[in-house]
Amino acid sequence: MLADYYINTAKYANNCENKSRPKMHCQGKCQMMKKLIDAEENEKKEADKVRLSNSYIAFFQKSDVIVFLPLINDHPFSMSFPDYVCNYSSRYIDTIFIPPKESA
């Protein structure tokens, strides 16, 4: 962009927005800055497109194969379990808790 400006300075000076203000000594630099800003925005958009196109690759994954094996036991719910028996007792509560007595 800068090389284009220095080669075509007259063209940039003709399109200058600051022709009416010769004290600014712009000589088309305003046009050059606009083109530089546009070029930066285009580069940014292109970089975003490239980054997005590369990011899709990260989501590809080898598909897993699900294999269903036949049941070994034809009746899975026919198993019997022993009854739960609680033979544990604690007499500790009897030392703390004293029930109220009936008053006659």
PDB file of N, CA and C in Angstrom:
ATOM      1  N   MET A   1       0.827  -1.200   0.000  1.00  0.00           N
ATOM      2  CA  MET A   1       0.000   0.000   0.000  1.00  0.00           C
ATOM      3  C   MET A   1       0.866   1.257   0.000  1.00  0.00           C
ATOM      4  N   LEU A   2       1.896   1.258   0.806  1.00  0.00           N
ATOM      5  CA  LEU A   2       2.745   2.449   0.875  1.00  0.00           C
ATOM      6  C   LEU A   2       3.471   2.680  -0.441  1.00  0.00           C
ATOM      7  N   ALA A   3       3.921   1.598  -1.077  1.00  0.00           N
ATOM      8  CA  ALA A   3       4.603   1.738  -2.366  1.00  0.00           C
ATOM      9  C   ALA A   3       3.638   2.311  -3.396  1.00  0.00           C
ATOM     10  N   ASP A   4       2.395   1.844  -3.381  1.00  0.00           N
ATOM     11  CA  ASP A   4       1.382   2.365  -4.306  1.00  0.00           C
ATOM     12  C   ASP A   4       1.152   3.848  -4.065  1.00  0.00           C
ATOM     13  N   TYR A   5       1.137   4.259  -2.812  1.00  0.00           N
ATOM     14  CA  TYR A   5       0.945   5.678  -2.495  1.00  0.00           C
ATOM     15  C   TYR A   5       2.089   6.522  -3.054  1.00  0.00           C
ATOM     16  N   TYR A   6       3.325   6.069  -2.839  1.00  0.00           N
ATOM     17  CA  TYR A   6       4.471   6.862  -3.298  1.00  0.00           C
ATOM     18  C   TYR A   6       4.583   6.861  -4.823  1.00  0.00           C
ATOM     19  N   ILE A   7       4.137   5.791  -5.486  1.00  0.00           N
ATOM     20  CA  ILE A   7       4.165   5.764  -6.953  1.00  0.00           C
ATOM     21  C   ILE A   7       3.066   6.646  -7.524  1.00  0.00           C
ATOM     22  N   ASN A   8       1.872   6.608  -6.926  1.00  0.00           N
ATOM     23  CA  ASN A   8       0.702   7.337  -7.439  1.00  0.00           C
ATOM     24  C   ASN A   8       0.308   8.482  -6.513  1.00  0.00           C
ATOM     25  N   THR A   9       1.254   9.257  -6.039  1.00  0.00           N
ATOM     26  CA  THR A   9       0.962  10.354  -5.114  1.00  0.00           C
ATOM     27  C   THR A   9       0.017  11.367  -5.736  1.00  0.00           C
ATOM     28  N   ALA A  10       0.170  11.643  -7.009  1.00  0.00           N
ATOM     29  CA  ALA A  10      -0.690  12.623  -7.690  1.00  0.00           C
ATOM     30  C   ALA A  10      -2.138  12.145  -7.710  1.00  0.00           C
ATOM     31  N   LYS A  11      -2.339  10.875  -7.970  1.00  0.00           N
ATOM     32  CA  LYS A  11      -3.699  10.315  -7.984  1.00  0.00           C
ATOM     33  C   LYS A  11      -4.337  10.432  -6.596  1.00  0.00           C
ATOM     34  N   TYR A  12      -3.573  10.102  -5.559  1.00  0.00           N
ATOM     35  CA  TYR A  12      -4.083  10.215  -4.192  1.00  0.00           C
ATOM     36  C   TYR A  12      -4.368  11.677  -3.838  1.00  0.00           C
ATOM     37  N   ALA A  13      -3.516  12.588  -4.290  1.00  0.00           N
ATOM     38  CA  ALA A  13      -3.699  14.015  -3.997  1.00  0.00           C
ATOM     39  C   ALA A  13      -4.950  14.551  -4.675  1.00  0.00           C
ATOM     40  N   ASN A  14      -5.288  14.055  -5.876  1.00  0.00           N
ATOM     41  CA  ASN A  14      -6.510  14.493  -6.569  1.00  0.00           C
ATOM     42  C   ASN A  14      -7.759  14.037  -5.833  1.00  0.00           C
ATOM     43  N   ASN A  15      -7.697  12.891  -5.186  1.00  0.00           N
ATOM     44  CA  ASN A  15      -8.861  12.362  -4.462  1.00  0.00           C
ATOM     45  C   ASN A  15      -8.868  12.772  -2.992  1.00  0.00           C
ATOM     46  N   CYS A  16      -7.961  13.637  -2.595  1.00  0.00           N
ATOM     47  CA  CYS A  16      -7.809  14.030  -1.197  1.00  0.00           C
ATOM     48  C   CYS A  16      -9.048  14.759  -0.684  1.00  0.00           C
ATOM     49  N   GLU A  17      -9.440  14.443   0.535  1.00  0.00           N
ATOM     50  CA  GLU A  17     -10.588  15.105   1.170  1.00  0.00           C
ATOM     51  C   GLU A  17     -10.199  16.464   1.725  1.00  0.00           C
ATOM     52  N   ASN A  18      -8.930  16.695   1.912  1.00  0.00           N
ATOM     53  CA  ASN A  18      -8.459  17.927   2.543  1.00  0.00           C
ATOM     54  C   ASN A  18      -7.850  18.902   1.530  1.00  0.00           C
ATOM     55  N   LYS A  19      -8.349  18.907   0.288  1.00  0.00           N
ATOM     56  CA  LYS A  19      -7.848  19.845  -0.724  1.00  0.00           C
ATOM     57  C   LYS A  19      -8.082  21.282  -0.299  1.00  0.00           C
ATOM     58  N   SER A  20      -9.181  21.529   0.366  1.00  0.00           N
ATOM     59  CA  SER A  20      -9.533  22.894   0.768  1.00  0.00           C
ATOM     60  C   SER A  20      -8.687  23.381   1.947  1.00  0.00           C
ATOM     61  N   ARG A  21      -7.894  22.506   2.558  1.00  0.00           N
ATOM     62  CA  ARG A  21      -7.047  22.876   3.696  1.00  0.00           C
ATOM     63  C   ARG A  21      -5.570  22.621   3.355  1.00  0.00           C
ATOM     64  N   PRO A  22      -4.959  23.489   2.605  1.00  0.00           N
ATOM     65  CA  PRO A  22      -3.570  23.247   2.194  1.00  0.00           C
ATOM     66  C   PRO A  22      -2.579  23.285   3.358  1.00  0.00           C
ATOM     67  N   LYS A  23      -2.958  23.906   4.484  1.00  0.00           N
ATOM     68  CA  LYS A  23      -2.039  23.978   5.626  1.00  0.00           C
ATOM     69  C   LYS A  23      -1.808  22.602   6.258  1.00  0.00           C
ATOM     70  N   MET A  24      -2.703  21.661   6.002  1.00  0.00           N
ATOM     71  CA  MET A  24      -2.569  20.319   6.588  1.00  0.00           C
ATOM     72  C   MET A  24      -1.485  19.501   5.886  1.00  0.00           C
ATOM     73  N   HIS A  25      -1.149  19.863   4.660  1.00  0.00           N
ATOM     74  CA  HIS A  25      -0.150  19.136   3.866  1.00  0.00           C
ATOM     75  C   HIS A  25      -0.500  17.648   3.774  1.00  0.00           C
ATOM     76  N   CYS A  26      -1.753  17.368   3.535  1.00  0.00           N
ATOM     77  CA  CYS A  26      -2.234  15.983   3.492  1.00  0.00           C
ATOM     78  C   CYS A  26      -1.722  15.276   2.235  1.00  0.00           C
ATOM     79  N   GLN A  27      -1.905  15.866   1.093  1.00  0.00           N
ATOM     80  CA  GLN A  27      -1.447  15.338  -0.197  1.00  0.00           C
ATOM     81  C   GLN A  27      -1.904  13.894  -0.433  1.00  0.00           C
ATOM     82  N   GLY A  28      -3.116  13.582  -0.043  1.00  0.00           N
ATOM     83  CA  GLY A  28      -3.684  12.264  -0.302  1.00  0.00           C
ATOM     84  C   GLY A  28      -3.411  11.228   0.773  1.00  0.00           C
ATOM     85  N   LYS A  29      -2.778  11.620   1.862  1.00  0.00           N
ATOM     86  CA  LYS A  29      -2.489  10.648   2.928  1.00  0.00           C
ATOM     87  C   LYS A  29      -3.775  10.140   3.575  1.00  0.00           C
ATOM     88  N   CYS A  30      -4.808  10.987   3.551  1.00  0.00           N
ATOM     89  CA  CYS A  30      -6.099  10.553   4.109  1.00  0.00           C
ATOM     90  C   CYS A  30      -6.649   9.374   3.305  1.00  0.00           C
ATOM     91  N   GLN A  31      -6.511   9.437   1.977  1.00  0.00           N
ATOM     92  CA  GLN A  31      -6.971   8.342   1.126  1.00  0.00           C
ATOM     93  C   GLN A  31      -6.131   7.082   1.364  1.00  0.00           C
ATOM     94  N   MET A  32      -4.819   7.286   1.527  1.00  0.00           N
ATOM     95  CA  MET A  32      -3.937   6.155   1.799  1.00  0.00           C
ATOM     96  C   MET A  32      -4.331   5.478   3.117  1.00  0.00           C
ATOM     97  N   MET A  33      -4.632   6.272   4.151  1.00  0.00           N
ATOM     98  CA  MET A  33      -5.019   5.706   5.449  1.00  0.00           C
ATOM     99  C   MET A  33      -6.322   4.920   5.341  1.00  0.00           C
ATOM    100  N   LYS A  34      -7.278   5.444   4.551  1.00  0.00           N
ATOM    101  CA  LYS A  34      -8.538   4.715   4.364  1.00  0.00           C
ATOM    102  C   LYS A  34      -8.278   3.357   3.724  1.00  0.00           C
ATOM    103  N   LYS A  35      -7.403   3.360   2.691  1.00  0.00           N
ATOM    104  CA  LYS A  35      -7.106   2.092   2.022  1.00  0.00           C
ATOM    105  C   LYS A  35      -6.362   1.139   2.958  1.00  0.00           C
ATOM    106  N   LEU A  36      -5.485   1.670   3.789  1.00  0.00           N
ATOM    107  CA  LEU A  36      -4.780   0.819   4.758  1.00  0.00           C
ATOM    108  C   LEU A  36      -5.751   0.195   5.758  1.00  0.00           C
ATOM    109  N   ILE A  37      -6.696   0.999   6.239  1.00  0.00           N
ATOM    110  CA  ILE A  37      -7.695   0.493   7.198  1.00  0.00           C
ATOM    111  C   ILE A  37      -8.556  -0.577   6.546  1.00  0.00           C
ATOM    112  N   ASP A  38      -8.982  -0.326   5.277  1.00  0.00           N
ATOM    113  CA  ASP A  38      -9.775  -1.330   4.563  1.00  0.00           C
ATOM    114  C   ASP A  38      -8.978  -2.620   4.368  1.00  0.00           C
ATOM    115  N   ALA A  39      -7.705  -2.480   4.030  1.00  0.00           N
ATOM    116  CA  ALA A  39      -6.864  -3.666   3.826  1.00  0.00           C
ATOM    117  C   ALA A  39      -6.709  -4.450   5.129  1.00  0.00           C
ATOM    118  N   GLU A  40      -6.546  -3.745   6.249  1.00  0.00           N
ATOM    119  CA  GLU A  40      -6.427  -4.428   7.546  1.00  0.00           C
ATOM    120  C   GLU A  40      -7.709  -5.165   7.896  1.00  0.00           C
ATOM    121  N   GLU A  41      -8.859  -4.528   7.631  1.00  0.00           N
ATOM    122  CA  GLU A  41     -10.138  -5.183   7.917  1.00  0.00           C
ATOM    123  C   GLU A  41     -10.307  -6.425   7.052  1.00  0.00           C
ATOM    124  N   ASN A  42      -9.926  -6.322   5.775  1.00  0.00           N
ATOM    125  CA  ASN A  42     -10.025  -7.487   4.895  1.00  0.00           C
ATOM    126  C   ASN A  42      -9.106  -8.608   5.364  1.00  0.00           C
ATOM    127  N   GLU A  43      -7.898  -8.260   5.790  1.00  0.00           N
ATOM    128  CA  GLU A  43      -6.980  -9.279   6.303  1.00  0.00           C
ATOM    129  C   GLU A  43      -7.539  -9.938   7.558  1.00  0.00           C
ATOM    130  N   LYS A  44      -8.167  -9.120   8.406  1.00  0.00           N
ATOM    131  CA  LYS A  44      -8.751  -9.657   9.639  1.00  0.00           C
ATOM    132  C   LYS A  44      -9.885 -10.632   9.312  1.00  0.00           C
ATOM    133  N   LYS A  45     -10.729 -10.248   8.331  1.00  0.00           N
ATOM    134  CA  LYS A  45     -11.833 -11.124   7.937  1.00  0.00           C
ATOM    135  C   LYS A  45     -11.302 -12.421   7.346  1.00  0.00           C
ATOM    136  N   GLU A  46     -10.280 -12.310   6.506  1.00  0.00           N
ATOM    137  CA  GLU A  46      -9.696 -13.507   5.908  1.00  0.00           C
ATOM    138  C   GLU A  46      -9.076 -14.402   6.980  1.00  0.00           C
ATOM    139  N   ALA A  47      -8.406 -13.786   7.944  1.00  0.00           N
ATOM    140  CA  ALA A  47      -7.801 -14.569   9.029  1.00  0.00           C
ATOM    141  C   ALA A  47      -8.883 -15.273   9.843  1.00  0.00           C
ATOM    142  N   ASP A  48     -10.014 -14.590  10.080  1.00  0.00           N
ATOM    143  CA  ASP A  48     -11.113 -15.218  10.815  1.00  0.00           C
ATOM    144  C   ASP A  48     -11.684 -16.387  10.028  1.00  0.00           C
ATOM    145  N   LYS A  49     -11.816 -16.208   8.697  1.00  0.00           N
ATOM    146  CA  LYS A  49     -12.334 -17.297   7.866  1.00  0.00           C
ATOM    147  C   LYS A  49     -11.400 -18.498   7.909  1.00  0.00           C
ATOM    148  N   VAL A  50     -10.101 -18.228   7.817  1.00  0.00           N
ATOM    149  CA  VAL A  50      -9.132 -19.324   7.853  1.00  0.00           C
ATOM    150  C   VAL A  50      -9.171 -20.008   9.213  1.00  0.00           C
ATOM    151  N   ARG A  51      -9.256 -19.218  10.285  1.00  0.00           N
ATOM    152  CA  ARG A  51      -9.298 -19.789  11.628  1.00  0.00           C
ATOM    153  C   ARG A  51     -10.554 -20.629  11.807  1.00  0.00           C
ATOM    154  N   LEU A  52     -11.694 -20.138  11.297  1.00  0.00           N
ATOM    155  CA  LEU A  52     -12.931 -20.900  11.418  1.00  0.00           C
ATOM    156  C   LEU A  52     -12.869 -22.175  10.595  1.00  0.00           C
ATOM    157  N   SER A  53     -12.334 -22.079   9.383  1.00  0.00           N
ATOM    158  CA  SER A  53     -12.270 -23.274   8.547  1.00  0.00           C
ATOM    159  C   SER A  53     -11.343 -24.317   9.166  1.00  0.00           C
ATOM    160  N   ASN A  54     -10.309 -23.896   9.862  1.00  0.00           N
ATOM    161  CA  ASN A  54      -9.419 -24.844  10.527  1.00  0.00           C
ATOM    162  C   ASN A  54     -10.024 -25.387  11.810  1.00  0.00           C
ATOM    163  N   SER A  55     -10.902 -24.637  12.435  1.00  0.00           N
ATOM    164  CA  SER A  55     -11.470 -25.088  13.702  1.00  0.00           C
ATOM    165  C   SER A  55     -12.462 -26.226  13.508  1.00  0.00           C
ATOM    166  N   TYR A  56     -13.064 -26.339  12.323  1.00  0.00           N
ATOM    167  CA  TYR A  56     -13.998 -27.432  12.090  1.00  0.00           C
ATOM    168  C   TYR A  56     -13.296 -28.784  12.141  1.00  0.00           C
ATOM    169  N   ILE A  57     -12.045 -28.816  11.766  1.00  0.00           N
ATOM    170  CA  ILE A  57     -11.298 -30.062  11.761  1.00  0.00           C
ATOM    171  C   ILE A  57     -11.190 -30.630  13.176  1.00  0.00           C
ATOM    172  N   ALA A  58     -11.156 -29.775  14.156  1.00  0.00           N
ATOM    173  CA  ALA A  58     -11.005 -30.219  15.537  1.00  0.00           C
ATOM    174  C   ALA A  58     -12.207 -31.028  16.023  1.00  0.00           C
ATOM    175  N   PHE A  59     -13.355 -30.890  15.352  1.00  0.00           N
ATOM    176  CA  PHE A  59     -14.558 -31.563  15.822  1.00  0.00           C
ATOM    177  C   PHE A  59     -14.787 -32.918  15.159  1.00  0.00           C
ATOM    178  N   PHE A  60     -13.979 -33.277  14.179  1.00  0.00           N
ATOM    179  CA  PHE A  60     -14.148 -34.576  13.544  1.00  0.00           C
ATOM    180  C   PHE A  60     -13.632 -35.664  14.465  1.00  0.00           C
ATOM    181  N   GLN A  61     -14.351 -36.764  14.487  1.00  0.00           N
ATOM    182  CA  GLN A  61     -13.991 -37.850  15.385  1.00  0.00           C
ATOM    183  C   GLN A  61     -14.332 -39.160  14.704  1.00  0.00           C
ATOM    184  N   LYS A  62     -13.524 -40.145  14.931  1.00  0.00           N
ATOM    185  CA  LYS A  62     -13.790 -41.460  14.376  1.00  0.00           C
ATOM    186  C   LYS A  62     -15.056 -42.012  15.020  1.00  0.00           C
ATOM    187  N   SER A  63     -15.943 -42.524  14.190  1.00  0.00           N
ATOM    188  CA  SER A  63     -17.195 -43.035  14.742  1.00  0.00           C
ATOM    189  C   SER A  63     -16.948 -44.383  15.414  1.00  0.00           C
ATOM    190  N   ASP A  64     -17.574 -44.575  16.539  1.00  0.00           N
ATOM    191  CA  ASP A  64     -17.445 -45.821  17.281  1.00  0.00           C
ATOM    192  C   ASP A  64     -18.523 -46.793  16.820  1.00  0.00           C
ATOM    193  N   VAL A  65     -18.189 -48.045  16.821  1.00  0.00           N
ATOM    194  CA  VAL A  65     -19.138 -49.075  16.429  1.00  0.00           C
ATOM    195  C   VAL A  65     -19.703 -49.697  17.698  1.00  0.00           C
ATOM    196  N   ILE A  66     -21.022 -49.747  17.775  1.00  0.00           N
ATOM    197  CA  ILE A  66     -21.680 -50.342  18.938  1.00  0.00           C
ATOM    198  C   ILE A  66     -22.046 -51.778  18.584  1.00  0.00           C
ATOM    199  N   VAL A  67     -21.588 -52.700  19.386  1.00  0.00           N
ATOM    200  CA  VAL A  67     -21.862 -54.116  19.147  1.00  0.00           C
ATOM    201  C   VAL A  67     -22.774 -54.608  20.260  1.00  0.00           C
ATOM    202  N   PHE A  68     -23.893 -55.208  19.867  1.00  0.00           N
ATOM    203  CA  PHE A  68     -24.821 -55.773  20.836  1.00  0.00           C
ATOM    204  C   PHE A  68     -24.541 -57.269  20.959  1.00  0.00           C
ATOM    205  N   LEU A  69     -24.187 -57.702  22.153  1.00  0.00           N
ATOM    206  CA  LEU A  69     -23.911 -59.112  22.394  1.00  0.00           C
ATOM    207  C   LEU A  69     -25.187 -59.803  22.865  1.00  0.00           C
ATOM    208  N   PRO A  70     -25.369 -61.053  22.496  1.00  0.00           N
ATOM    209  CA  PRO A  70     -26.576 -61.763  22.958  1.00  0.00           C
ATOM    210  C   PRO A  70     -26.504 -62.013  24.464  1.00  0.00           C
ATOM    211  N   LEU A  71     -27.677 -62.105  25.084  1.00  0.00           N
ATOM    212  CA  LEU A  71     -27.742 -62.359  26.522  1.00  0.00           C
ATOM    213  C   LEU A  71     -27.293 -63.782  26.819  1.00  0.00           C
ATOM    214  N   ILE A  72     -26.511 -63.926  27.849  1.00  0.00           N
ATOM    215  CA  ILE A  72     -26.057 -65.258  28.251  1.00  0.00           C
ATOM    216  C   ILE A  72     -27.153 -65.941  29.057  1.00  0.00           C
ATOM    217  N   ASN A  73     -27.761 -65.209  29.981  1.00  0.00           N
ATOM    218  CA  ASN A  73     -28.820 -65.747  30.821  1.00  0.00           C
ATOM    219  C   ASN A  73     -30.154 -65.375  30.182  1.00  0.00           C
ATOM    220  N   ASP A  74     -30.980 -66.359  29.892  1.00  0.00           N
ATOM    221  CA  ASP A  74     -32.266 -66.084  29.248  1.00  0.00           C
ATOM    222  C   ASP A  74     -33.241 -65.401  30.190  1.00  0.00           C
ATOM    223  N   HIS A  75     -33.110 -65.635  31.504  1.00  0.00           N
ATOM    224  CA  HIS A  75     -34.027 -65.059  32.482  1.00  0.00           C
ATOM    225  C   HIS A  75     -33.223 -64.232  33.481  1.00  0.00           C
ATOM    226  N   PRO A  76     -32.943 -62.980  33.169  1.00  0.00           N
ATOM    227  CA  PRO A  76     -32.079 -62.198  34.066  1.00  0.00           C
ATOM    228  C   PRO A  76     -32.729 -61.852  35.399  1.00  0.00           C
ATOM    229  N   PHE A  77     -34.069 -61.889  35.489  1.00  0.00           N
ATOM    230  CA  PHE A  77     -34.738 -61.490  36.728  1.00  0.00           C
ATOM    231  C   PHE A  77     -35.168 -62.688  37.569  1.00  0.00           C
ATOM    232  N   SER A  78     -34.722 -63.860  37.232  1.00  0.00           N
ATOM    233  CA  SER A  78     -35.119 -65.038  38.001  1.00  0.00           C
ATOM    234  C   SER A  78     -34.151 -65.336  39.143  1.00  0.00           C
ATOM    235  N   MET A  79     -33.203 -64.460  39.382  1.00  0.00           N
ATOM    236  CA  MET A  79     -32.271 -64.671  40.488  1.00  0.00           C
ATOM    237  C   MET A  79     -32.980 -64.460  41.816  1.00  0.00           C
ATOM    238  N   SER A  80     -32.593 -65.226  42.811  1.00  0.00           N
ATOM    239  CA  SER A  80     -33.183 -65.047  44.135  1.00  0.00           C
ATOM    240  C   SER A  80     -32.115 -64.503  45.073  1.00  0.00           C
ATOM    241  N   PHE A  81     -32.541 -63.648  45.933  1.00  0.00           N
ATOM    242  CA  PHE A  81     -31.646 -63.031  46.903  1.00  0.00           C
ATOM    243  C   PHE A  81     -32.113 -63.411  48.296  1.00  0.00           C
ATOM    244  N   PRO A  82     -31.193 -63.596  49.233  1.00  0.00           N
ATOM    245  CA  PRO A  82     -31.607 -63.933  50.606  1.00  0.00           C
ATOM    246  C   PRO A  82     -32.301 -62.742  51.262  1.00  0.00           C
ATOM    247  N   ASP A  83     -33.200 -63.050  52.167  1.00  0.00           N
ATOM    248  CA  ASP A  83     -33.899 -61.995  52.895  1.00  0.00           C
ATOM    249  C   ASP A  83     -32.919 -61.269  53.801  1.00  0.00           C
ATOM    250  N   TYR A  84     -33.161 -59.989  53.983  1.00  0.00           N
ATOM    251  CA  TYR A  84     -32.315 -59.185  54.857  1.00  0.00           C
ATOM    252  C   TYR A  84     -32.756 -59.404  56.296  1.00  0.00           C
ATOM    253  N   VAL A  85     -31.839 -59.801  57.117  1.00  0.00           N
ATOM    254  CA  VAL A  85     -32.135 -60.041  58.525  1.00  0.00           C
ATOM    255  C   VAL A  85     -31.209 -59.149  59.337  1.00  0.00           C
ATOM    256  N   CYS A  86     -31.814 -58.355  60.214  1.00  0.00           N
ATOM    257  CA  CYS A  86     -31.028 -57.465  61.051  1.00  0.00           C
ATOM    258  C   CYS A  86     -31.059 -58.015  62.476  1.00  0.00           C
ATOM    259  N   ASN A  87     -29.987 -58.620  62.888  1.00  0.00           N
ATOM    260  CA  ASN A  87     -29.902 -59.173  64.239  1.00  0.00           C
ATOM    261  C   ASN A  87     -29.184 -58.228  65.188  1.00  0.00           C
ATOM    262  N   TYR A  88     -28.963 -57.021  64.789  1.00  0.00           N
ATOM    263  CA  TYR A  88     -28.217 -56.066  65.590  1.00  0.00           C
ATOM    264  C   TYR A  88     -29.180 -55.289  66.471  1.00  0.00           C
ATOM    265  N   SER A  89     -28.858 -55.170  67.723  1.00  0.00           N
ATOM    266  CA  SER A  89     -29.669 -54.335  68.607  1.00  0.00           C
ATOM    267  C   SER A  89     -28.730 -53.561  69.515  1.00  0.00           C
ATOM    268  N   SER A  90     -29.131 -52.367  69.818  1.00  0.00           N
ATOM    269  CA  SER A  90     -28.318 -51.532  70.687  1.00  0.00           C
ATOM    270  C   SER A  90     -29.161 -51.143  71.886  1.00  0.00           C
ATOM    271  N   ARG A  91     -28.614 -51.299  73.051  1.00  0.00           N
ATOM    272  CA  ARG A  91     -29.321 -50.938  74.275  1.00  0.00           C
ATOM    273  C   ARG A  91     -28.857 -49.568  74.749  1.00  0.00           C
ATOM    274  N   TYR A  92     -28.056 -48.886  73.976  1.00  0.00           N
ATOM    275  CA  TYR A  92     -27.522 -47.588  74.368  1.00  0.00           C
ATOM    276  C   TYR A  92     -28.639 -46.565  74.563  1.00  0.00           C
ATOM    277  N   ILE A  93     -29.660 -46.593  73.745  1.00  0.00           N
ATOM    278  CA  ILE A  93     -30.744 -45.612  73.837  1.00  0.00           C
ATOM    279  C   ILE A  93     -31.506 -45.751  75.157  1.00  0.00           C
ATOM    280  N   ASP A  94     -31.541 -46.951  75.702  1.00  0.00           N
ATOM    281  CA  ASP A  94     -32.249 -47.151  76.968  1.00  0.00           C
ATOM    282  C   ASP A  94     -31.580 -46.414  78.124  1.00  0.00           C
ATOM    283  N   THR A  95     -30.295 -46.169  78.051  1.00  0.00           N
ATOM    284  CA  THR A  95     -29.608 -45.456  79.127  1.00  0.00           C
ATOM    285  C   THR A  95     -29.880 -43.966  79.071  1.00  0.00           C
ATOM    286  N   ILE A  96     -30.246 -43.440  77.904  1.00  0.00           N
ATOM    287  CA  ILE A  96     -30.486 -42.001  77.755  1.00  0.00           C
ATOM    288  C   ILE A  96     -31.972 -41.671  77.868  1.00  0.00           C
ATOM    289  N   PHE A  97     -32.784 -42.423  77.156  1.00  0.00           N
ATOM    290  CA  PHE A  97     -34.202 -42.110  77.073  1.00  0.00           C
ATOM    291  C   PHE A  97     -34.965 -42.747  78.228  1.00  0.00           C
ATOM    292  N   ILE A  98     -35.674 -41.913  78.965  1.00  0.00           N
ATOM    293  CA  ILE A  98     -36.537 -42.400  80.045  1.00  0.00           C
ATOM    294  C   ILE A  98     -37.936 -41.893  79.723  1.00  0.00           C
ATOM    295  N   PRO A  99     -38.848 -42.800  79.402  1.00  0.00           N
ATOM    296  CA  PRO A  99     -40.192 -42.363  79.022  1.00  0.00           C
ATOM    297  C   PRO A  99     -40.914 -41.723  80.204  1.00  0.00           C
ATOM    298  N   PRO A 100     -41.825 -40.802  79.929  1.00  0.00           N
ATOM    299  CA  PRO A 100     -42.563 -40.167  81.024  1.00  0.00           C
ATOM    300  C   PRO A 100     -43.453 -41.178  81.744  1.00  0.00           C
ATOM    301  N   LYS A 101     -43.609 -40.973  83.031  1.00  0.00           N
ATOM    302  CA  LYS A 101     -44.435 -41.875  83.832  1.00  0.00           C
ATOM    303  C   LYS A 101     -45.841 -41.298  83.906  1.00  0.00           C
ATOM    304  N   GLU A 102     -46.773 -42.188  83.993  1.00  0.00           N
ATOM    305  CA  GLU A 102     -48.162 -41.742  84.094  1.00  0.00           C
ATOM    306  C   GLU A 102     -48.426 -41.251  85.507  1.00  0.00           C
ATOM    307  N   SER A 103     -49.050 -40.127  85.599  1.00  0.00           N
ATOM    308  CA  SER A 103     -49.403 -39.635  86.929  1.00  0.00           C
ATOM    309  C   SER A 103     -50.867 -39.988  87.173  1.00  0.00           C
ATOM    310  N   ALA A 104     -51.121 -40.665  88.269  1.00  0.00           N
ATOM    311  CA  ALA A 104     -52.471 -41.132  88.550  1.00  0.00           C
ATOM    312  C   ALA A 104     -53.218 -40.221  89.466  1.00  0.00           C
TER     313      ALA A 104
END
